[in-house]
C-alpha atoms as a PDB file:
ATOM      1  CA  MET A   1     -31.336   4.865  15.757  1.00  0.00           C
ATOM      2  CA  ASN A   2     -30.209   8.153  14.201  1.00  0.00           C
ATOM      3  CA  GLU A   3     -27.169   8.261  16.500  1.00  0.00           C
ATOM      4  CA  ASP A   4     -26.156   4.759  15.416  1.00  0.00           C
ATOM      5  CA  LEU A   5     -26.530   5.719  11.773  1.00  0.00           C
ATOM      6  CA  LEU A   6     -24.495   8.900  12.277  1.00  0.00           C
ATOM      7  CA  LYS A   7     -21.747   6.952  14.047  1.00  0.00           C
ATOM      8  CA  GLU A   8     -21.640   4.393  11.245  1.00  0.00           C
ATOM      9  CA  LEU A   9     -21.475   7.136   8.604  1.00  0.00           C
ATOM     10  CA  ASN A  10     -18.714   8.909  10.526  1.00  0.00           C
ATOM     11  CA  ASP A  11     -16.725   5.663  10.780  1.00  0.00           C
ATOM     12  CA  ASN A  12     -17.144   5.087   7.041  1.00  0.00           C
ATOM     13  CA  ILE A  13     -15.967   8.620   6.267  1.00  0.00           C
ATOM     14  CA  LYS A  14     -12.865   8.120   8.423  1.00  0.00           C
ATOM     15  CA  GLU A  15     -12.099   4.835   6.660  1.00  0.00           C
ATOM     16  CA  LEU A  16     -12.528   6.391   3.206  1.00  0.00           C
ATOM     17  CA  THR A  17     -10.331   9.337   4.185  1.00  0.00           C
ATOM     18  CA  GLY A  18      -7.571   6.904   5.147  1.00  0.00           C
ATOM     19  CA  ILE A  19      -7.915   5.072   1.837  1.00  0.00           C
ATOM     20  CA  ILE A  20      -7.717   8.320  -0.130  1.00  0.00           C
ATOM     21  CA  LYS A  21      -4.570   9.350   1.761  1.00  0.00           C
ATOM     22  CA  LYS A  22      -2.916   6.021   0.929  1.00  0.00           C
ATOM     23  CA  ILE A  23      -3.834   6.278  -2.737  1.00  0.00           C
ATOM     24  CA  SER A  24      -2.320   9.757  -2.995  1.00  0.00           C
ATOM     25  CA  GLN A  25       0.764   8.824  -0.958  1.00  0.00           C
ATOM     26  CA  GLU A  26       3.997   8.890  -2.980  1.00  0.00           C
ATOM     27  CA  VAL A  27       6.485   7.207  -0.597  1.00  0.00           C
ATOM     28  CA  PHE A  28       5.905   4.124   1.548  1.00  0.00           C
ATOM     29  CA  THR A  29       7.664   2.281   4.345  1.00  0.00           C
ATOM     30  CA  ALA A  30       8.037  -1.482   3.902  1.00  0.00           C
ATOM     31  CA  LYS A  31       4.942  -2.080   6.022  1.00  0.00           C
ATOM     32  CA  GLU A  32       2.886   0.482   4.092  1.00  0.00           C
ATOM     33  CA  ALA A  33       4.149  -0.883   0.769  1.00  0.00           C
ATOM     34  CA  ALA A  34       3.123  -4.409   1.765  1.00  0.00           C
ATOM     35  CA  GLU A  35      -0.349  -3.140   2.647  1.00  0.00           C
ATOM     36  CA  TYR A  36      -0.583  -1.209  -0.624  1.00  0.00           C
ATOM     37  CA  LEU A  37       0.383  -4.310  -2.622  1.00  0.00           C
ATOM     38  CA  ARG A  38      -1.741  -6.558  -0.390  1.00  0.00           C
ATOM     39  CA  ILE A  39       1.147  -8.883   0.298  1.00  0.00           C
ATOM     40  CA  GLY A  40       2.823  -9.890   3.531  1.00  0.00           C
ATOM     41  CA  TYR A  41       5.546  -7.837   5.184  1.00  0.00           C
ATOM     42  CA  ASP A  42       8.005 -10.741   4.926  1.00  0.00           C
ATOM     43  CA  THR A  43       7.129 -11.094   1.244  1.00  0.00           C
ATOM     44  CA  ILE A  44       7.991  -7.496   0.396  1.00  0.00           C
ATOM     45  CA  LEU A  45      11.290  -7.800   2.244  1.00  0.00           C
ATOM     46  CA  ARG A  46      12.099 -11.002   0.334  1.00  0.00           C
ATOM     47  CA  LEU A  47      11.161  -9.402  -3.004  1.00  0.00           C
ATOM     48  CA  THR A  48      13.354  -6.432  -2.111  1.00  0.00           C
ATOM     49  CA  ARG A  49      16.336  -8.618  -1.202  1.00  0.00           C
ATOM     50  CA  ILE A  50      16.147 -10.557  -4.482  1.00  0.00           C
ATOM     51  CA  GLY A  51      15.792  -7.377  -6.540  1.00  0.00           C
ATOM     52  CA  GLN A  52      12.190  -7.832  -7.654  1.00  0.00           C
ATOM     53  CA  ILE A  53      10.992  -4.499  -6.243  1.00  0.00           C
ATOM     54  CA  GLU A  54      12.921  -1.251  -6.542  1.00  0.00           C
ATOM     55  CA  TYR A  55      13.570   0.728  -3.372  1.00  0.00           C
ATOM     56  CA  VAL A  56      15.545   3.600  -1.937  1.00  0.00           C
ATOM     57  CA  ALA A  57      17.762   2.892   1.057  1.00  0.00           C
ATOM     58  CA  ASN A  58      17.112   5.164   4.016  1.00  0.00           C
ATOM     59  CA  GLY A  59      19.709   4.126   6.547  1.00  0.00           C
ATOM     60  CA  ASN A  60      18.782   0.592   7.576  1.00  0.00           C
ATOM     61  CA  ASN A  61      15.253   0.990   6.224  1.00  0.00           C
ATOM     62  CA  TYR A  62      13.731   0.493   2.800  1.00  0.00           C
ATOM     63  CA  VAL A  63      11.618   3.240   1.252  1.00  0.00           C
ATOM     64  CA  TYR A  64       9.425   2.514  -1.743  1.00  0.00           C
ATOM     65  CA  LYS A  65       8.193   5.054  -4.266  1.00  0.00           C
ATOM     66  CA  LYS A  66       4.626   4.532  -5.425  1.00  0.00           C
ATOM     67  CA  GLU A  67       5.834   4.416  -9.026  1.00  0.00           C
ATOM     68  CA  PHE A  68       8.108   1.442  -8.134  1.00  0.00           C
ATOM     69  CA  LEU A  69       5.213  -0.417  -6.538  1.00  0.00           C
ATOM     70  CA  ASP A  70       2.853   0.297  -9.427  1.00  0.00           C
ATOM     71  CA  LYS A  71       5.529  -0.874 -11.871  1.00  0.00           C
ATOM     72  CA  TRP A  72       5.850  -4.155  -9.950  1.00  0.00           C
ATOM     73  CA  LEU A  73       2.060  -4.574  -9.959  1.00  0.00           C
ATOM     74  CA  ASP A  74       1.894  -4.052 -13.721  1.00  0.00           C
ATOM     75  CA  LYS A  75       4.755  -6.475 -14.333  1.00  0.00           C
ATOM     76  CA  ASN A  76       3.171  -9.178 -12.173  1.00  0.00           C
ATOM     77  CA  ARG A  77      -0.428  -8.830 -13.322  1.00  0.00           C
ATOM     78  CA  LYS A  78      -1.912 -12.277 -13.969  1.00  0.00           C
ATOM     79  CA  GLY A  79      -5.042 -11.187 -15.794  1.00  0.00           C
ATOM     80  CA  ASP A  80      -7.591  -8.463 -16.112  1.00  0.00           C
ATOM     81  CA  ILE A  81      -9.263  -7.364 -12.918  1.00  0.00           C
ATOM     82  CA  ARG A  82     -12.973  -7.066 -13.502  1.00  0.00           C
END
């Protein structure tokens, strides 16, 4: 029983560590940005193409600054999150 509890706690710590890293991350790939915004990968690419989300071109790839993503979230907020 104690081993199961320790394994579960260890798994939770690993998950929380990953979340903290994402929160403190400053630059995202398109896939990471979609995860951060909780939207689909195709959706972020579409929003990028139509100019709804700012990005930095990195060769053939899009790179998104956290400040750009947060700005988009603020602009598209539908109501208070409680």
